[in-house]
Protein backbone atom coordinates (compact mmCIF):
# COMPACT_ATOMS: atom_id res chain seq x y z
CA MET A 1 -111.68 42.41 -139.66
CA PRO A 2 -107.91 41.38 -140.87
CA PRO A 3 -107.41 42.86 -144.08
CA GLN A 4 -107.47 38.74 -146.09
CA SER A 5 -110.81 38.58 -145.02
CA ILE A 6 -111.22 41.68 -147.66
CA GLY A 7 -111.08 41.10 -150.82
CA MET A 8 -112.45 41.90 -154.92
CA ALA A 9 -116.23 41.22 -156.60
CA VAL A 10 -117.60 42.46 -159.64
CA CYS A 11 -119.40 45.06 -159.39
CA GLU A 12 -123.20 43.39 -159.91
CA THR A 13 -124.06 47.37 -160.88
CA CYS A 14 -122.36 47.37 -164.73
CA GLY A 15 -121.29 43.75 -164.54
CA GLY A 16 -117.52 44.64 -163.95
CA LYS A 17 -117.19 47.05 -166.79
CA GLY A 18 -117.15 50.24 -164.86
CA PHE A 19 -120.42 52.17 -166.70
CA VAL A 20 -123.38 51.54 -167.03
CA LEU A 21 -125.75 52.19 -170.31
CA VAL A 22 -128.03 55.87 -169.70
CA GLU A 23 -129.64 55.38 -173.56
CA GLU A 24 -129.58 54.32 -176.77
CA LYS A 25 -130.03 56.83 -179.79
CA LYS A 26 -130.09 56.68 -183.41
CA CYS A 27 -126.73 57.10 -184.90
CA PRO A 28 -127.07 60.81 -186.03
CA SER A 29 -124.16 59.64 -188.93
CA CYS A 30 -126.38 57.24 -190.74
CA LYS A 31 -130.03 58.05 -188.92
CA GLY A 32 -130.13 54.69 -188.15
CA THR A 33 -129.35 52.51 -191.22
CA GLY A 34 -126.73 51.46 -189.94
CA LYS A 35 -124.99 52.20 -194.16
CA ALA A 36 -122.19 54.45 -194.49
CA LYS A 37 -122.99 57.63 -196.21
CA SER A 38 -120.24 60.02 -198.27
CA ILE A 39 -117.43 60.12 -195.20
CA ASN A 40 -113.57 61.38 -195.75
CA LEU A 41 -111.52 58.35 -196.10
CA SER A 42 -108.34 59.86 -194.75
CA GLU A 43 -109.59 60.52 -191.49
CA LEU A 44 -110.23 57.12 -190.59
CA SER A 45 -108.74 54.67 -189.00
CA GLU A 46 -106.89 50.98 -190.33
CA GLN A 47 -110.59 49.30 -188.07
CA GLN A 48 -112.96 52.06 -189.33
CA LEU A 49 -112.07 52.07 -193.16
CA ASN A 50 -112.40 48.65 -193.02
CA LEU A 51 -116.13 48.57 -191.72
CA ALA A 52 -116.35 51.89 -194.93
CA LEU A 53 -115.30 49.24 -197.48
CA GLY A 54 -117.59 46.87 -196.21
CA GLY A 55 -120.83 49.38 -196.34
CA SER A 56 -121.49 49.90 -192.51
CA CYS A 57 -120.81 53.08 -190.97
CA PRO A 58 -117.95 53.24 -189.05
CA ALA A 59 -119.04 56.02 -185.86
CA CYS A 60 -121.72 52.84 -185.36
CA ASN A 61 -119.99 49.80 -186.35
CA GLY A 62 -122.88 49.30 -188.93
CA THR A 63 -125.65 48.74 -185.55
CA GLY A 64 -127.54 52.06 -186.42
CA VAL A 65 -127.66 53.38 -182.61
CA THR A 66 -125.10 55.10 -180.56
CA ARG A 67 -124.77 54.03 -176.74
CA VAL A 68 -124.86 57.28 -174.21
CA THR A 69 -122.74 55.61 -171.34
CA GLU A 70 -121.41 56.91 -167.49
CA LYS A 71 -119.03 56.09 -165.42
CA CYS A 72 -120.79 54.07 -162.67
CA ARG A 73 -121.36 55.53 -159.15
CA GLU A 74 -121.11 52.06 -157.27
CA CYS A 75 -117.54 50.75 -158.07
CA ASN A 76 -116.31 54.60 -159.69
CA GLY A 77 -115.81 52.99 -162.66
CA TYR A 78 -113.62 50.22 -161.62
CA GLY A 79 -115.43 47.45 -162.47
CA GLU A 80 -114.65 45.80 -158.51
CA ILE A 81 -116.27 46.56 -155.67
CA LYS A 82 -114.20 45.27 -152.08
CA GLU A 83 -116.49 42.58 -150.64
CA CYS A 84 -116.07 41.01 -146.81
CA LYS A 85 -114.93 37.62 -147.18
CA VAL A 86 -116.63 36.78 -143.85
CA CYS A 87 -120.46 37.81 -144.08
CA GLY A 88 -120.62 38.42 -148.10
CA SER A 89 -121.90 42.24 -147.73
CA HIS A 90 -120.21 44.82 -149.83
CA PHE A 91 -118.63 48.48 -149.25
CA GLY A 92 -117.28 50.87 -151.39
CA GLY A 93 -115.14 54.12 -150.36
CA ASP A 94 -111.36 53.11 -148.73
CA GLY A 95 -113.05 51.71 -145.94
CA ASP A 96 -111.86 48.05 -145.25
CA ARG A 97 -114.80 47.35 -142.61
CA CYS A 98 -117.61 45.49 -142.76
CA GLN A 99 -120.85 47.15 -142.38
């Protein structure tokens, strides 16, 4: 198959993000409230400082949950997979042949 018959497509497993959500857990810093507790302001980035001053937990950005993710196995974390432009099938690895 000629090389121009191969393109890239967004990975359907991860939606192009390169990672998948494994689980969501209650934020250990705010215990799920989303509100800031006692924090050391000198250790915060500017964005985290703005969130903390607004009353939001800097660890979870006020959501109350933290997300545990892992690299997508389908696209190996790239967010894209190879696609045959002729038949539309997807394939991974270093191969460039339609299966």
